[in-house]
Amino acid sequence: MTDTQLYLAIGVPVIANAAMLTVMATLLGARITSLETSFNARFASLEARFEILTGKVAELTDRVTRLEERTARQ
């Protein structure tokens, strides 16, 4: 076996594995970015719903306060 054959026997698989790992890392990064975007959208939706619920609780609190004032006057 010549030196060139040895270098090719070792180098080609190493380069192929390095290329494959690079592609996999890129795909993983894209997937993580996609998940991050999805989570951000879901959290934004939850925040909006929470704000709506907070507003409704405030409205109910106001109504109860008014009813308490009415009953206290009577």
PDB file of N, CA and C in Angstrom:
ATOM      1  N   MET A   1       0.857  -1.168   0.000  1.00  0.00           N
ATOM      2  CA  MET A   1       0.000   0.000   0.000  1.00  0.00           C
ATOM      3  C   MET A   1       0.906   1.235   0.000  1.00  0.00           C
ATOM      4  N   THR A   2       0.632   2.139  -0.911  1.00  0.00           N
ATOM      5  CA  THR A   2       1.429   3.361  -0.992  1.00  0.00           C
ATOM      6  C   THR A   2       0.876   4.404  -0.019  1.00  0.00           C
ATOM      7  N   ASP A   3       1.657   5.437   0.177  1.00  0.00           N
ATOM      8  CA  ASP A   3       1.230   6.515   1.062  1.00  0.00           C
ATOM      9  C   ASP A   3      -0.057   7.167   0.553  1.00  0.00           C
ATOM     10  N   THR A   4      -0.147   7.347  -0.742  1.00  0.00           N
ATOM     11  CA  THR A   4      -1.335   7.967  -1.338  1.00  0.00           C
ATOM     12  C   THR A   4      -2.572   7.129  -1.083  1.00  0.00           C
ATOM     13  N   GLN A   5      -2.460   5.826  -1.224  1.00  0.00           N
ATOM     14  CA  GLN A   5      -3.595   4.942  -0.965  1.00  0.00           C
ATOM     15  C   GLN A   5      -4.020   5.018   0.497  1.00  0.00           C
ATOM     16  N   LEU A   6      -3.045   5.059   1.391  1.00  0.00           N
ATOM     17  CA  LEU A   6      -3.343   5.164   2.814  1.00  0.00           C
ATOM     18  C   LEU A   6      -4.056   6.473   3.115  1.00  0.00           C
ATOM     19  N   TYR A   7      -3.555   7.562   2.570  1.00  0.00           N
ATOM     20  CA  TYR A   7      -4.183   8.864   2.797  1.00  0.00           C
ATOM     21  C   TYR A   7      -5.613   8.887   2.268  1.00  0.00           C
ATOM     22  N   LEU A   8      -5.823   8.292   1.103  1.00  0.00           N
ATOM     23  CA  LEU A   8      -7.173   8.229   0.545  1.00  0.00           C
ATOM     24  C   LEU A   8      -8.081   7.325   1.384  1.00  0.00           C
ATOM     25  N   ALA A   9      -7.541   6.211   1.845  1.00  0.00           N
ATOM     26  CA  ALA A   9      -8.340   5.280   2.648  1.00  0.00           C
ATOM     27  C   ALA A   9      -8.778   5.915   3.965  1.00  0.00           C
ATOM     28  N   ILE A  10      -7.954   6.772   4.506  1.00  0.00           N
ATOM     29  CA  ILE A  10      -8.303   7.435   5.771  1.00  0.00           C
ATOM     30  C   ILE A  10      -9.002   8.763   5.516  1.00  0.00           C
ATOM     31  N   GLY A  11      -8.533   9.514   4.556  1.00  0.00           N
ATOM     32  CA  GLY A  11      -9.028  10.874   4.331  1.00  0.00           C
ATOM     33  C   GLY A  11     -10.430  10.959   3.779  1.00  0.00           C
ATOM     34  N   VAL A  12     -10.764  10.108   2.817  1.00  0.00           N
ATOM     35  CA  VAL A  12     -12.088  10.174   2.181  1.00  0.00           C
ATOM     36  C   VAL A  12     -13.212   9.936   3.198  1.00  0.00           C
ATOM     37  N   PRO A  13     -13.141   8.884   4.027  1.00  0.00           N
ATOM     38  CA  PRO A  13     -14.214   8.710   5.016  1.00  0.00           C
ATOM     39  C   PRO A  13     -14.276   9.851   6.043  1.00  0.00           C
ATOM     40  N   VAL A  14     -13.124  10.372   6.423  1.00  0.00           N
ATOM     41  CA  VAL A  14     -13.103  11.484   7.383  1.00  0.00           C
ATOM     42  C   VAL A  14     -13.779  12.711   6.787  1.00  0.00           C
ATOM     43  N   ILE A  15     -13.451  13.022   5.548  1.00  0.00           N
ATOM     44  CA  ILE A  15     -14.059  14.175   4.876  1.00  0.00           C
ATOM     45  C   ILE A  15     -15.558  13.958   4.679  1.00  0.00           C
ATOM     46  N   ALA A  16     -15.953  12.748   4.315  1.00  0.00           N
ATOM     47  CA  ALA A  16     -17.375  12.445   4.131  1.00  0.00           C
ATOM     48  C   ALA A  16     -18.129  12.597   5.453  1.00  0.00           C
ATOM     49  N   ASN A  17     -17.557  12.095   6.536  1.00  0.00           N
ATOM     50  CA  ASN A  17     -18.203  12.234   7.842  1.00  0.00           C
ATOM     51  C   ASN A  17     -18.291  13.686   8.277  1.00  0.00           C
ATOM     52  N   ALA A  18     -17.246  14.444   8.026  1.00  0.00           N
ATOM     53  CA  ALA A  18     -17.260  15.863   8.381  1.00  0.00           C
ATOM     54  C   ALA A  18     -18.342  16.601   7.596  1.00  0.00           C
ATOM     55  N   ALA A  19     -18.470  16.266   6.316  1.00  0.00           N
ATOM     56  CA  ALA A  19     -19.513  16.902   5.496  1.00  0.00           C
ATOM     57  C   ALA A  19     -20.895  16.515   5.999  1.00  0.00           C
ATOM     58  N   MET A  20     -21.069  15.246   6.360  1.00  0.00           N
ATOM     59  CA  MET A  20     -22.361  14.787   6.858  1.00  0.00           C
ATOM     60  C   MET A  20     -22.705  15.473   8.183  1.00  0.00           C
ATOM     61  N   LEU A  21     -21.732  15.608   9.062  1.00  0.00           N
ATOM     62  CA  LEU A  21     -21.975  16.281  10.339  1.00  0.00           C
ATOM     63  C   LEU A  21     -22.325  17.748  10.140  1.00  0.00           C
ATOM     64  N   THR A  22     -21.700  18.377   9.166  1.00  0.00           N
ATOM     65  CA  THR A  22     -22.012  19.777   8.867  1.00  0.00           C
ATOM     66  C   THR A  22     -23.448  19.917   8.385  1.00  0.00           C
ATOM     67  N   VAL A  23     -23.857  19.034   7.490  1.00  0.00           N
ATOM     68  CA  VAL A  23     -25.233  19.063   6.987  1.00  0.00           C
ATOM     69  C   VAL A  23     -26.221  18.804   8.122  1.00  0.00           C
ATOM     70  N   MET A  24     -25.935  17.825   8.967  1.00  0.00           N
ATOM     71  CA  MET A  24     -26.827  17.508  10.083  1.00  0.00           C
ATOM     72  C   MET A  24     -26.911  18.674  11.068  1.00  0.00           C
ATOM     73  N   ALA A  25     -25.796  19.341  11.331  1.00  0.00           N
ATOM     74  CA  ALA A  25     -25.799  20.496  12.232  1.00  0.00           C
ATOM     75  C   ALA A  25     -26.635  21.626  11.650  1.00  0.00           C
ATOM     76  N   THR A  26     -26.533  21.832  10.355  1.00  0.00           N
ATOM     77  CA  THR A  26     -27.329  22.864   9.699  1.00  0.00           C
ATOM     78  C   THR A  26     -28.814  22.548   9.788  1.00  0.00           C
ATOM     79  N   LEU A  27     -29.164  21.294   9.523  1.00  0.00           N
ATOM     80  CA  LEU A  27     -30.569  20.889   9.611  1.00  0.00           C
ATOM     81  C   LEU A  27     -31.098  21.008  11.039  1.00  0.00           C
ATOM     82  N   LEU A  28     -30.288  20.636  12.003  1.00  0.00           N
ATOM     83  CA  LEU A  28     -30.687  20.748  13.404  1.00  0.00           C
ATOM     84  C   LEU A  28     -30.894  22.210  13.787  1.00  0.00           C
ATOM     85  N   GLY A  29     -30.002  23.071  13.328  1.00  0.00           N
ATOM     86  CA  GLY A  29     -30.156  24.502  13.597  1.00  0.00           C
ATOM     87  C   GLY A  29     -31.448  25.049  13.006  1.00  0.00           C
ATOM     88  N   ALA A  30     -31.774  24.623  11.806  1.00  0.00           N
ATOM     89  CA  ALA A  30     -33.016  25.070  11.172  1.00  0.00           C
ATOM     90  C   ALA A  30     -34.228  24.567  11.944  1.00  0.00           C
ATOM     91  N   ARG A  31     -34.160  23.338  12.418  1.00  0.00           N
ATOM     92  CA  ARG A  31     -35.275  22.771  13.189  1.00  0.00           C
ATOM     93  C   ARG A  31     -35.462  23.511  14.510  1.00  0.00           C
ATOM     94  N   ILE A  32     -34.357  23.836  15.161  1.00  0.00           N
ATOM     95  CA  ILE A  32     -34.439  24.571  16.425  1.00  0.00           C
ATOM     96  C   ILE A  32     -35.027  25.959  16.189  1.00  0.00           C
ATOM     97  N   THR A  33     -34.631  26.602  15.116  1.00  0.00           N
ATOM     98  CA  THR A  33     -35.186  27.914  14.780  1.00  0.00           C
ATOM     99  C   THR A  33     -36.683  27.810  14.522  1.00  0.00           C
ATOM    100  N   SER A  34     -37.102  26.768  13.839  1.00  0.00           N
ATOM    101  CA  SER A  34     -38.520  26.552  13.569  1.00  0.00           C
ATOM    102  C   SER A  34     -39.295  26.339  14.862  1.00  0.00           C
ATOM    103  N   LEU A  35     -38.747  25.526  15.758  1.00  0.00           N
ATOM    104  CA  LEU A  35     -39.415  25.296  17.043  1.00  0.00           C
ATOM    105  C   LEU A  35     -39.485  26.575  17.866  1.00  0.00           C
ATOM    106  N   GLU A  36     -38.429  27.365  17.822  1.00  0.00           N
ATOM    107  CA  GLU A  36     -38.421  28.631  18.560  1.00  0.00           C
ATOM    108  C   GLU A  36     -39.514  29.562  18.045  1.00  0.00           C
ATOM    109  N   THR A  37     -39.650  29.629  16.741  1.00  0.00           N
ATOM    110  CA  THR A  37     -40.693  30.461  16.141  1.00  0.00           C
ATOM    111  C   THR A  37     -42.076  29.974  16.550  1.00  0.00           C
ATOM    112  N   SER A  38     -42.258  28.658  16.543  1.00  0.00           N
ATOM    113  CA  SER A  38     -43.538  28.078  16.936  1.00  0.00           C
ATOM    114  C   SER A  38     -43.855  28.374  18.394  1.00  0.00           C
ATOM    115  N   PHE A  39     -42.869  28.202  19.272  1.00  0.00           N
ATOM    116  CA  PHE A  39     -43.088  28.484  20.690  1.00  0.00           C
ATOM    117  C   PHE A  39     -43.389  29.959  20.921  1.00  0.00           C
ATOM    118  N   ASN A  40     -42.685  30.831  20.225  1.00  0.00           N
ATOM    119  CA  ASN A  40     -42.941  32.260  20.375  1.00  0.00           C
ATOM    120  C   ASN A  40     -44.364  32.608  19.971  1.00  0.00           C
ATOM    121  N   ALA A  41     -44.844  32.012  18.892  1.00  0.00           N
ATOM    122  CA  ALA A  41     -46.220  32.264  18.450  1.00  0.00           C
ATOM    123  C   ALA A  41     -47.218  31.745  19.472  1.00  0.00           C
ATOM    124  N   ARG A  42     -46.966  30.574  20.028  1.00  0.00           N
ATOM    125  CA  ARG A  42     -47.879  30.014  21.027  1.00  0.00           C
ATOM    126  C   ARG A  42     -47.893  30.853  22.297  1.00  0.00           C
ATOM    127  N   PHE A  43     -46.720  31.302  22.736  1.00  0.00           N
ATOM    128  CA  PHE A  43     -46.674  32.134  23.929  1.00  0.00           C
ATOM    129  C   PHE A  43     -47.370  33.476  23.699  1.00  0.00           C
ATOM    130  N   ALA A  44     -47.226  34.030  22.510  1.00  0.00           N
ATOM    131  CA  ALA A  44     -47.916  35.281  22.190  1.00  0.00           C
ATOM    132  C   ALA A  44     -49.422  35.076  22.245  1.00  0.00           C
ATOM    133  N   SER A  45     -49.882  33.942  21.736  1.00  0.00           N
ATOM    134  CA  SER A  45     -51.306  33.619  21.781  1.00  0.00           C
ATOM    135  C   SER A  45     -51.786  33.464  23.222  1.00  0.00           C
ATOM    136  N   LEU A  46     -50.997  32.788  24.033  1.00  0.00           N
ATOM    137  CA  LEU A  46     -51.358  32.627  25.441  1.00  0.00           C
ATOM    138  C   LEU A  46     -51.386  33.968  26.167  1.00  0.00           C
ATOM    139  N   GLU A  47     -50.435  34.836  25.867  1.00  0.00           N
ATOM    140  CA  GLU A  47     -50.422  36.159  26.486  1.00  0.00           C
ATOM    141  C   GLU A  47     -51.668  36.940  26.115  1.00  0.00           C
ATOM    142  N   ALA A  48     -52.073  36.857  24.859  1.00  0.00           N
ATOM    143  CA  ALA A  48     -53.280  37.557  24.420  1.00  0.00           C
ATOM    144  C   ALA A  48     -54.506  37.007  25.150  1.00  0.00           C
ATOM    145  N   ARG A  49     -54.588  35.698  25.273  1.00  0.00           N
ATOM    146  CA  ARG A  49     -55.724  35.096  25.984  1.00  0.00           C
ATOM    147  C   ARG A  49     -55.715  35.480  27.456  1.00  0.00           C
ATOM    148  N   PHE A  50     -54.535  35.522  28.038  1.00  0.00           N
ATOM    149  CA  PHE A  50     -54.418  35.903  29.440  1.00  0.00           C
ATOM    150  C   PHE A  50     -54.878  37.346  29.642  1.00  0.00           C
ATOM    151  N   GLU A  51     -54.533  38.225  28.713  1.00  0.00           N
ATOM    152  CA  GLU A  51     -54.975  39.617  28.795  1.00  0.00           C
ATOM    153  C   GLU A  51     -56.495  39.702  28.703  1.00  0.00           C
ATOM    154  N   ILE A  52     -57.092  38.907  27.830  1.00  0.00           N
ATOM    155  CA  ILE A  52     -58.554  38.885  27.713  1.00  0.00           C
ATOM    156  C   ILE A  52     -59.178  38.419  29.021  1.00  0.00           C
ATOM    157  N   LEU A  53     -58.638  37.348  29.589  1.00  0.00           N
ATOM    158  CA  LEU A  53     -59.158  36.843  30.861  1.00  0.00           C
ATOM    159  C   LEU A  53     -58.987  37.859  31.982  1.00  0.00           C
ATOM    160  N   THR A  54     -57.863  38.538  32.005  1.00  0.00           N
ATOM    161  CA  THR A  54     -57.630  39.562  33.017  1.00  0.00           C
ATOM    162  C   THR A  54     -58.659  40.684  32.888  1.00  0.00           C
ATOM    163  N   GLY A  55     -58.953  41.070  31.663  1.00  0.00           N
ATOM    164  CA  GLY A  55     -59.975  42.100  31.428  1.00  0.00           C
ATOM    165  C   GLY A  55     -61.344  41.641  31.898  1.00  0.00           C
ATOM    166  N   LYS A  56     -61.682  40.398  31.639  1.00  0.00           N
ATOM    167  CA  LYS A  56     -62.986  39.882  32.060  1.00  0.00           C
ATOM    168  C   LYS A  56     -63.089  39.812  33.577  1.00  0.00           C
ATOM    169  N   VAL A  57     -62.008  39.427  34.239  1.00  0.00           N
ATOM    170  CA  VAL A  57     -62.008  39.393  35.705  1.00  0.00           C
ATOM    171  C   VAL A  57     -62.169  40.806  36.256  1.00  0.00           C
ATOM    172  N   ALA A  58     -61.523  41.769  35.639  1.00  0.00           N
ATOM    173  CA  ALA A  58     -61.664  43.162  36.078  1.00  0.00           C
ATOM    174  C   ALA A  58     -63.104  43.628  35.911  1.00  0.00           C
ATOM    175  N   GLU A  59     -63.731  43.261  34.794  1.00  0.00           N
ATOM    176  CA  GLU A  59     -65.138  43.621  34.582  1.00  0.00           C
ATOM    177  C   GLU A  59     -66.023  42.988  35.646  1.00  0.00           C
ATOM    178  N   LEU A  60     -65.795  41.722  35.947  1.00  0.00           N
ATOM    179  CA  LEU A  60     -66.589  41.055  36.977  1.00  0.00           C
ATOM    180  C   LEU A  60     -66.365  41.698  38.347  1.00  0.00           C
ATOM    181  N   THR A  61     -65.152  42.074  38.633  1.00  0.00           N
ATOM    182  CA  THR A  61     -64.855  42.738  39.898  1.00  0.00           C
ATOM    183  C   THR A  61     -65.606  44.061  39.989  1.00  0.00           C
ATOM    184  N   ASP A  62     -65.626  44.815  38.912  1.00  0.00           N
ATOM    185  CA  ASP A  62     -66.368  46.074  38.890  1.00  0.00           C
ATOM    186  C   ASP A  62     -67.862  45.833  39.113  1.00  0.00           C
ATOM    187  N   ARG A  63     -68.401  44.824  38.461  1.00  0.00           N
ATOM    188  CA  ARG A  63     -69.828  44.512  38.633  1.00  0.00           C
ATOM    189  C   ARG A  63     -70.152  44.128  40.065  1.00  0.00           C
ATOM    190  N   VAL A  64     -69.316  43.292  40.649  1.00  0.00           N
ATOM    191  CA  VAL A  64     -69.548  42.873  42.031  1.00  0.00           C
ATOM    192  C   VAL A  64     -69.446  44.071  42.972  1.00  0.00           C
ATOM    193  N   THR A  65     -68.487  44.934  42.729  1.00  0.00           N
ATOM    194  CA  THR A  65     -68.333  46.131  43.559  1.00  0.00           C
ATOM    195  C   THR A  65     -69.583  47.004  43.473  1.00  0.00           C
ATOM    196  N   ARG A  66     -70.095  47.187  42.261  1.00  0.00           N
ATOM    197  CA  ARG A  66     -71.320  47.990  42.097  1.00  0.00           C
ATOM    198  C   ARG A  66     -72.507  47.334  42.798  1.00  0.00           C
ATOM    199  N   LEU A  67     -72.612  46.012  42.689  1.00  0.00           N
ATOM    200  CA  LEU A  67     -73.710  45.310  43.367  1.00  0.00           C
ATOM    201  C   LEU A  67     -73.580  45.434  44.883  1.00  0.00           C
ATOM    202  N   GLU A  68     -72.362  45.343  45.382  1.00  0.00           N
ATOM    203  CA  GLU A  68     -72.153  45.502  46.823  1.00  0.00           C
ATOM    204  C   GLU A  68     -72.542  46.898  47.277  1.00  0.00           C
ATOM    205  N   GLU A  69     -72.215  47.913  46.471  1.00  0.00           N
ATOM    206  CA  GLU A  69     -72.583  49.291  46.818  1.00  0.00           C
ATOM    207  C   GLU A  69     -74.090  49.457  46.819  1.00  0.00           C
ATOM    208  N   ARG A  70     -74.752  48.851  45.833  1.00  0.00           N
ATOM    209  CA  ARG A  70     -76.224  48.929  45.764  1.00  0.00           C
ATOM    210  C   ARG A  70     -76.883  48.301  46.989  1.00  0.00           C
ATOM    211  N   THR A  71     -76.399  47.093  47.312  1.00  0.00           N
ATOM    212  CA  THR A  71     -77.009  46.395  48.462  1.00  0.00           C
ATOM    213  C   THR A  71     -76.684  47.096  49.767  1.00  0.00           C
ATOM    214  N   ALA A  72     -75.564  47.769  49.836  1.00  0.00           N
ATOM    215  CA  ALA A  72     -75.203  48.487  51.068  1.00  0.00           C
ATOM    216  C   ALA A  72     -76.100  49.706  51.248  1.00  0.00           C
ATOM    217  N   ARG A  73     -76.548  50.331  50.168  1.00  0.00           N
ATOM    218  CA  ARG A  73     -77.425  51.506  50.242  1.00  0.00           C
ATOM    219  C   ARG A  73     -78.840  51.125  50.626  1.00  0.00           C
ATOM    220  N   GLN A  74     -79.247  49.917  50.321  1.00  0.00           N
ATOM    221  CA  GLN A  74     -80.640  49.527  50.559  1.00  0.00           C
ATOM    222  C   GLN A  74     -80.858  49.086  51.945  1.00  0.00           C
TER     223      GLN A  74
END
